[in-house]
N, C-alpha and C. Protein backbone atom coordinates (compact mmCIF):
# COMPACT_ATOMS: atom_id res chain seq x y z
N MET A 1 92.68 92.63 161.28
CA MET A 1 92.72 92.15 159.77
C MET A 1 91.74 93.17 158.75
N ASP A 2 90.98 93.85 159.38
CA ASP A 2 89.89 94.53 158.15
C ASP A 2 90.72 95.70 157.61
N ALA A 3 91.87 96.32 158.58
CA ALA A 3 92.10 97.82 158.18
C ALA A 3 93.00 96.78 157.10
N ALA A 4 93.94 96.28 157.23
CA ALA A 4 94.78 95.45 156.28
C ALA A 4 93.69 94.85 155.34
N ILE A 5 92.82 94.92 154.97
CA ILE A 5 92.12 94.42 153.85
C ILE A 5 91.70 95.75 153.09
N ILE A 6 91.39 96.67 154.07
CA ILE A 6 90.68 98.09 153.18
C ILE A 6 92.31 98.78 152.62
N ASP A 7 93.03 98.62 153.12
CA ASP A 7 94.44 99.11 152.84
C ASP A 7 94.92 98.45 151.49
N LEU A 8 94.99 97.51 151.69
CA LEU A 8 95.26 96.28 150.47
C LEU A 8 94.26 96.84 149.04
N SER A 9 92.40 96.96 149.21
CA SER A 9 91.90 97.58 148.06
C SER A 9 92.48 98.78 147.49
N SER A 10 92.30 99.55 148.85
CA SER A 10 92.64 100.78 148.11
C SER A 10 94.24 100.98 147.48
N ARG A 11 95.28 100.25 147.69
CA ARG A 11 96.42 99.88 146.45
C ARG A 11 96.01 99.18 145.47
N SER A 12 95.13 98.69 145.23
CA SER A 12 94.87 97.87 144.55
C SER A 12 94.19 98.42 143.06
N LYS A 13 93.45 99.60 143.48
CA LYS A 13 92.69 100.36 142.64
C LYS A 13 93.55 100.90 141.30
N PRO A 14 94.59 101.88 141.73
CA PRO A 14 95.11 101.95 140.71
C PRO A 14 95.67 101.05 139.45
N PHE A 15 95.61 100.04 140.41
CA PHE A 15 96.91 98.88 139.49
C PHE A 15 95.66 98.46 138.75
N LEU A 16 94.28 97.83 139.19
CA LEU A 16 93.10 97.57 138.90
C LEU A 16 92.34 98.47 137.33
N PHE A 17 92.64 100.34 137.64
CA PHE A 17 92.03 101.06 136.86
C PHE A 17 92.98 100.82 135.98
N SER A 18 94.16 100.99 135.89
CA SER A 18 95.23 100.76 134.76
C SER A 18 94.67 99.36 133.89
N ARG A 19 94.70 98.45 134.27
CA ARG A 19 94.34 97.20 133.66
C ARG A 19 93.10 97.43 132.81
N ALA A 20 91.78 97.81 133.72
CA ALA A 20 90.82 98.52 133.00
C ALA A 20 90.53 99.50 131.55
N LEU A 21 91.77 100.07 131.83
CA LEU A 21 91.79 101.19 130.56
C LEU A 21 92.58 100.59 129.62
N GLN A 22 93.47 99.81 129.97
CA GLN A 22 94.24 98.94 129.45
C GLN A 22 93.59 97.88 128.19
N ALA A 23 92.54 97.06 128.87
CA ALA A 23 91.63 96.16 128.12
C ALA A 23 90.44 96.97 127.24
N GLY A 24 90.08 98.06 127.98
CA GLY A 24 89.57 99.24 127.17
C GLY A 24 90.03 99.44 125.67
N ASN A 25 91.24 100.03 125.80
CA ASN A 25 91.77 100.57 124.67
C ASN A 25 91.91 99.59 123.78
N ALA A 26 92.26 98.26 124.68
CA ALA A 26 92.25 96.99 122.94
C ALA A 26 91.17 96.56 122.93
N ALA A 27 90.12 96.69 123.55
CA ALA A 27 88.91 96.56 122.62
C ALA A 27 88.57 97.37 121.31
N ILE A 28 88.91 98.59 122.14
CA ILE A 28 88.94 99.69 120.52
C ILE A 28 89.61 99.33 119.71
N GLY A 29 90.64 98.92 119.52
CA GLY A 29 91.85 98.63 118.55
C GLY A 29 91.00 97.18 117.80
N LYS A 30 90.35 96.78 118.61
CA LYS A 30 89.56 95.49 117.93
C LYS A 30 88.15 95.95 117.44
N GLU A 31 87.83 96.98 117.45
CA GLU A 31 86.44 97.59 117.19
C GLU A 31 85.51 96.59 117.66
N ASP A 32 85.77 96.07 118.85
CA ASP A 32 84.40 95.63 120.09
C ASP A 32 84.24 96.58 120.85
N TYR A 33 83.10 97.35 120.73
CA TYR A 33 82.89 98.88 121.29
C TYR A 33 81.88 98.55 122.59
N ARG A 34 81.41 97.31 122.62
CA ARG A 34 80.76 97.04 123.40
C ARG A 34 81.35 96.60 124.93
N LYS A 35 82.86 95.86 124.54
CA LYS A 35 83.62 95.19 125.46
C LYS A 35 84.34 96.59 125.71
N ALA A 36 84.56 97.41 124.92
CA ALA A 36 85.48 98.66 125.20
C ALA A 36 84.41 99.77 126.58
N THR A 37 82.99 99.46 126.12
CA THR A 37 82.63 100.40 126.84
C THR A 37 82.10 99.90 128.46
N GLU A 38 82.14 98.31 128.44
CA GLU A 38 82.51 97.70 129.43
C GLU A 38 83.80 97.69 130.27
N CYS A 39 84.78 97.85 129.83
CA CYS A 39 86.33 98.03 130.10
C CYS A 39 86.51 99.72 130.81
N TYR A 40 85.34 100.55 130.25
CA TYR A 40 86.12 101.99 130.78
C TYR A 40 85.01 102.43 131.84
N THR A 41 83.75 101.17 131.89
CA THR A 41 82.59 101.51 133.05
C THR A 41 83.04 101.09 134.04
N ARG A 42 83.95 100.12 134.06
CA ARG A 42 84.96 99.36 135.32
C ARG A 42 86.04 100.44 135.12
N ALA A 43 86.32 101.32 134.83
CA ALA A 43 87.59 102.01 135.07
C ALA A 43 87.07 103.17 135.77
N ILE A 44 85.54 103.71 135.28
CA ILE A 44 85.24 104.99 136.07
C ILE A 44 84.68 104.39 137.58
N ASP A 45 84.43 103.53 137.83
CA ASP A 45 83.41 102.79 138.79
C ASP A 45 85.08 102.74 139.90
N LEU A 46 86.17 102.13 139.56
CA LEU A 46 87.02 102.32 140.36
C LEU A 46 88.23 103.71 140.57
N ASN A 47 87.82 104.56 139.49
CA ASN A 47 88.52 106.61 139.41
C ASN A 47 87.47 106.99 138.82
N PRO A 48 86.09 107.25 139.41
CA PRO A 48 85.45 108.26 138.92
C PRO A 48 85.48 109.89 138.76
N GLU A 49 86.78 110.20 139.27
CA GLU A 49 87.35 111.64 138.72
C GLU A 49 88.35 111.88 137.76
N ASP A 50 88.25 110.69 137.09
CA ASP A 50 89.45 110.90 136.05
C ASP A 50 88.66 110.98 134.37
N PRO A 51 88.89 112.35 133.84
CA PRO A 51 87.81 112.80 132.81
C PRO A 51 87.73 111.90 131.85
N LYS A 52 89.60 111.59 131.43
CA LYS A 52 89.95 110.70 130.31
C LYS A 52 89.60 109.21 130.10
N THR A 53 88.97 108.94 131.10
CA THR A 53 87.90 107.65 131.24
C THR A 53 87.11 107.80 130.79
N TYR A 54 86.18 108.80 130.97
CA TYR A 54 84.90 109.24 130.63
C TYR A 54 84.95 109.40 128.63
N ARG A 55 85.89 110.68 128.41
CA ARG A 55 86.21 110.73 127.07
C ARG A 55 86.47 109.05 126.29
N LEU A 56 86.95 108.68 126.76
CA LEU A 56 86.94 107.48 126.29
C LEU A 56 86.04 106.43 125.96
N ARG A 57 85.51 106.24 126.93
CA ARG A 57 83.65 105.63 127.04
C ARG A 57 83.25 105.99 126.06
N SER A 58 82.83 107.54 125.93
CA SER A 58 81.74 108.70 125.06
C SER A 58 82.00 108.12 123.95
N LEU A 59 83.31 108.01 123.10
CA LEU A 59 83.89 107.44 121.71
C LEU A 59 83.30 106.59 121.66
N ALA A 60 83.54 105.28 122.84
CA ALA A 60 83.12 104.12 122.20
C ALA A 60 81.69 103.84 121.85
N LEU A 61 80.92 105.01 123.27
CA LEU A 61 79.66 104.90 123.29
C LEU A 61 79.13 105.17 121.64
N LEU A 62 79.79 106.21 121.34
CA LEU A 62 79.34 107.24 119.95
C LEU A 62 80.06 106.33 119.02
N LYS A 63 80.31 105.43 119.03
CA LYS A 63 80.57 104.17 117.77
C LYS A 63 79.36 103.05 117.82
N ARG A 64 79.20 102.76 119.07
CA ARG A 64 78.15 102.13 119.20
C ARG A 64 76.54 102.65 118.84
N GLY A 65 76.20 103.70 118.64
CA GLY A 65 75.45 104.36 117.98
C GLY A 65 74.66 104.86 119.53
N ASP A 66 75.33 104.97 120.76
CA ASP A 66 74.32 105.59 121.81
C ASP A 66 74.75 106.56 121.99
N PHE A 67 73.89 107.46 121.35
CA PHE A 67 73.97 109.37 121.11
C PHE A 67 73.83 109.92 122.53
N GLU A 68 72.97 109.39 123.27
CA GLU A 68 72.57 110.06 124.39
C GLU A 68 73.91 109.87 125.60
N LYS A 69 73.92 108.67 125.85
CA LYS A 69 75.05 108.16 126.67
C LYS A 69 76.59 108.68 126.21
N ALA A 70 76.54 108.81 125.47
CA ALA A 70 78.03 109.39 124.84
C ALA A 70 77.91 111.08 124.98
N TYR A 71 76.60 111.46 124.59
CA TYR A 71 76.50 113.00 125.07
C TYR A 71 77.07 112.98 126.47
N THR A 72 76.31 112.46 127.46
CA THR A 72 76.47 112.28 128.44
C THR A 72 77.78 112.35 129.37
N ASP A 73 78.65 111.32 128.79
CA ASP A 73 80.19 111.36 129.09
C ASP A 73 80.56 112.58 128.88
N ALA A 74 80.42 112.41 127.79
CA ALA A 74 81.30 113.92 127.29
C ALA A 74 80.91 115.52 128.04
N LYS A 75 79.59 115.31 128.20
CA LYS A 75 79.15 116.56 129.35
C LYS A 75 80.04 116.62 130.53
N LYS A 76 80.04 115.09 130.84
CA LYS A 76 80.85 114.50 132.59
C LYS A 76 82.70 114.99 132.33
N VAL A 77 82.65 115.07 130.95
CA VAL A 77 84.42 115.77 131.15
C VAL A 77 84.82 116.80 131.25
N ILE A 78 83.75 117.40 130.13
CA ILE A 78 83.84 119.02 130.90
C ILE A 78 83.65 119.42 132.20
N ASP A 79 82.88 118.91 132.79
CA ASP A 79 82.42 119.12 134.24
C ASP A 79 83.62 118.96 135.27
N LEU A 80 84.35 117.81 134.81
CA LEU A 80 85.64 117.44 135.62
C LEU A 80 86.55 118.13 135.28
N GLY A 81 86.18 119.25 134.31
CA GLY A 81 87.20 120.41 133.90
C GLY A 81 88.27 120.18 132.63
N GLU A 82 88.06 119.21 132.28
CA GLU A 82 88.65 118.91 130.59
C GLU A 82 87.85 119.89 129.60
N SER A 83 88.45 120.97 129.24
CA SER A 83 87.70 121.32 128.03
C SER A 83 88.37 121.93 126.49
N GLY A 84 89.31 120.66 126.29
CA GLY A 84 90.21 120.77 125.07
C GLY A 84 88.85 120.58 124.12
N ILE A 85 90.14 120.59 122.91
CA ILE A 85 89.50 120.81 121.71
C ILE A 85 88.55 119.83 121.41
N GLU A 86 89.41 118.33 121.44
CA GLU A 86 89.12 117.23 120.94
C GLU A 86 87.73 116.56 121.64
N ILE A 87 87.66 116.85 123.06
CA ILE A 87 86.17 116.81 123.60
C ILE A 87 84.88 117.70 123.06
N LYS A 88 85.29 118.91 122.66
CA LYS A 88 84.22 119.63 121.82
C LYS A 88 83.87 119.15 120.44
N LEU A 89 85.05 118.79 120.15
CA LEU A 89 84.77 117.84 118.79
C LEU A 89 83.82 116.62 118.89
N VAL A 90 83.94 116.10 119.41
CA VAL A 90 82.91 114.76 120.05
C VAL A 90 81.72 115.24 120.61
N MET A 91 81.36 116.35 120.92
CA MET A 91 80.23 116.65 121.56
C MET A 91 79.35 117.01 120.34
N ALA A 92 80.34 118.10 119.26
CA ALA A 92 80.04 118.50 118.00
C ALA A 92 79.32 117.23 116.60
N GLU A 93 80.01 116.06 116.96
CA GLU A 93 79.96 115.22 116.42
C GLU A 93 78.63 114.68 116.98
N ILE A 94 78.55 114.24 118.05
CA ILE A 94 77.24 113.33 118.66
C ILE A 94 76.17 114.72 118.11
N THR A 95 76.17 115.95 118.37
CA THR A 95 75.01 116.63 118.01
C THR A 95 74.50 116.52 116.45
N ARG A 96 75.50 116.63 115.86
CA ARG A 96 75.46 116.28 114.51
C ARG A 96 75.03 114.78 113.59
N LEU A 97 75.46 113.85 114.78
CA LEU A 97 74.66 112.51 114.26
C LEU A 97 73.41 112.57 114.76
N VAL A 98 73.22 113.15 115.61
CA VAL A 98 71.48 113.08 116.35
C VAL A 98 70.54 114.03 115.47
N ARG A 99 71.22 114.89 115.03
CA ARG A 99 70.07 115.91 114.14
C ARG A 99 70.20 114.98 112.94
N ALA A 100 71.08 114.73 112.31
CA ALA A 100 71.27 113.53 111.50
C ALA A 100 69.72 112.22 111.30
N THR A 101 69.66 112.07 112.53
CA THR A 101 68.46 110.83 112.78
C THR A 101 67.39 111.41 112.66
N THR A 102 67.12 112.76 113.16
CA THR A 102 65.71 113.14 113.67
C THR A 102 65.54 114.35 112.63
N ASP A 103 66.15 115.14 112.13
CA ASP A 103 65.73 116.59 111.76
C ASP A 103 66.00 116.19 110.11
N PRO A 104 64.97 116.71 109.40
CA PRO A 104 64.84 116.24 107.82
C PRO A 104 66.05 117.28 107.30
N GLU A 105 65.67 118.87 107.70
CA GLU A 105 66.26 119.70 107.32
C GLU A 105 67.72 119.94 107.11
N PHE A 106 67.79 118.65 108.35
CA PHE A 106 69.71 118.61 108.36
C PHE A 106 70.51 117.94 106.95
N TRP A 107 69.60 117.23 105.88
CA TRP A 107 69.70 116.67 104.87
C TRP A 107 69.68 117.63 103.68
N ALA A 108 68.90 118.92 103.72
CA ALA A 108 69.04 119.77 102.73
C ALA A 108 70.29 120.07 102.03
N PRO A 109 71.37 120.44 102.54
CA PRO A 109 72.42 120.59 101.71
C PRO A 109 73.22 119.56 101.05
N TRP A 110 72.65 118.58 101.71
CA TRP A 110 73.25 117.14 100.90
C TRP A 110 72.24 117.00 100.08
N VAL A 111 71.28 116.79 99.48
CA VAL A 111 70.38 116.43 98.71
C VAL A 111 69.86 117.46 97.74
N ARG A 112 69.93 116.55 96.19
CA ARG A 112 69.02 117.71 95.19
C ARG A 112 68.28 117.03 94.70
N THR A 113 67.00 117.54 94.48
CA THR A 113 65.51 116.41 94.17
C THR A 113 65.63 117.04 92.60
N ASN A 114 65.35 115.88 91.67
CA ASN A 114 65.28 116.65 90.51
C ASN A 114 63.74 116.15 90.06
N VAL A 115 63.21 117.17 89.27
CA VAL A 115 61.69 116.95 88.77
C VAL A 115 61.87 116.77 87.09
N TYR A 116 61.30 115.53 86.80
CA TYR A 116 61.27 115.77 85.07
C TYR A 116 60.06 115.67 84.80
N HIS A 117 59.45 116.77 83.90
CA HIS A 117 58.34 116.21 83.29
C HIS A 117 58.05 117.26 82.09
N GLU A 118 57.25 116.57 81.02
CA GLU A 118 57.16 117.11 80.04
C GLU A 118 56.03 118.49 80.45
N PRO A 119 56.17 119.37 79.35
CA PRO A 119 55.53 120.48 79.80
C PRO A 119 54.15 120.41 79.66
N GLY A 120 53.37 120.77 80.58
CA GLY A 120 51.88 120.50 80.62
C GLY A 120 51.76 119.28 81.17
N GLU A 121 52.30 118.73 81.45
CA GLU A 121 52.09 117.46 82.45
C GLU A 121 52.80 117.94 83.71
N LEU A 122 52.01 116.74 84.33
CA LEU A 122 52.34 116.58 86.41
C LEU A 122 53.71 115.92 86.16
N ALA A 123 54.55 116.40 86.99
CA ALA A 123 55.62 115.54 86.89
C ALA A 123 55.90 114.33 86.93
N SER A 124 56.29 113.69 85.90
CA SER A 124 56.50 111.94 86.04
C SER A 124 57.45 111.09 86.99
N SER A 125 58.23 111.76 87.58
CA SER A 125 59.52 111.14 88.78
C SER A 125 59.94 112.09 89.27
N ILE A 126 60.56 111.65 90.32
CA ILE A 126 61.24 112.89 91.23
C ILE A 126 62.48 111.56 91.68
N SER A 127 63.99 112.84 91.53
CA SER A 127 64.64 111.70 92.03
C SER A 127 65.38 112.73 92.95
N ILE A 128 65.81 111.72 94.25
CA ILE A 128 66.92 112.64 95.37
C ILE A 128 68.73 111.30 94.93
N VAL A 129 69.05 112.58 94.98
CA VAL A 129 70.36 112.13 95.00
C VAL A 129 71.59 112.81 95.69
N ILE A 130 72.60 112.05 96.11
CA ILE A 130 73.61 112.98 96.88
C ILE A 130 74.09 114.01 96.03
N ASN A 131 74.39 115.23 96.42
CA ASN A 131 74.64 116.60 95.97
C ASN A 131 76.28 116.03 95.86
N PRO A 132 77.03 115.61 94.95
CA PRO A 132 78.34 115.23 94.70
C PRO A 132 79.16 116.37 95.75
N SER A 133 78.81 117.46 95.30
CA SER A 133 79.77 118.71 95.86
C SER A 133 80.24 118.50 97.62
N MET A 134 79.03 118.10 98.09
CA MET A 134 78.73 117.97 99.27
C MET A 134 79.14 116.19 100.43
N ARG A 135 79.33 115.75 99.09
CA ARG A 135 80.42 114.37 99.59
C ARG A 135 81.59 114.80 100.41
N LYS A 136 81.63 113.83 101.58
CA LYS A 136 83.35 114.06 102.07
C LYS A 136 83.00 113.04 103.11
């Protein structure tokens, strides 16, 4: 009897994996990134060697602002042998966002500082504006 239960469990894994992926994709479509992360985590638990699932979870985590976990998943995708341009772009975006939140020098190309003053006076105001040529 135990062998039959184990056999049934191993046969249902692909079905459950597929359902978890579908649920995650549906959550992404609804912009419910928390639920998508949960669904992709369930799929990873069922098939931890599938790089696509880590890539999808990485994107959901990125949308949630969890950069560290998103980067870890993106790295796992590469560790599992997928090295396409898409995952490299995800890693680059994560790195850019982390720098944007931690490195003031990152903003230098996008910010223009204007100092207005009369000759012989100290600066009366400083304004920081988004450089229109850098907006995208």
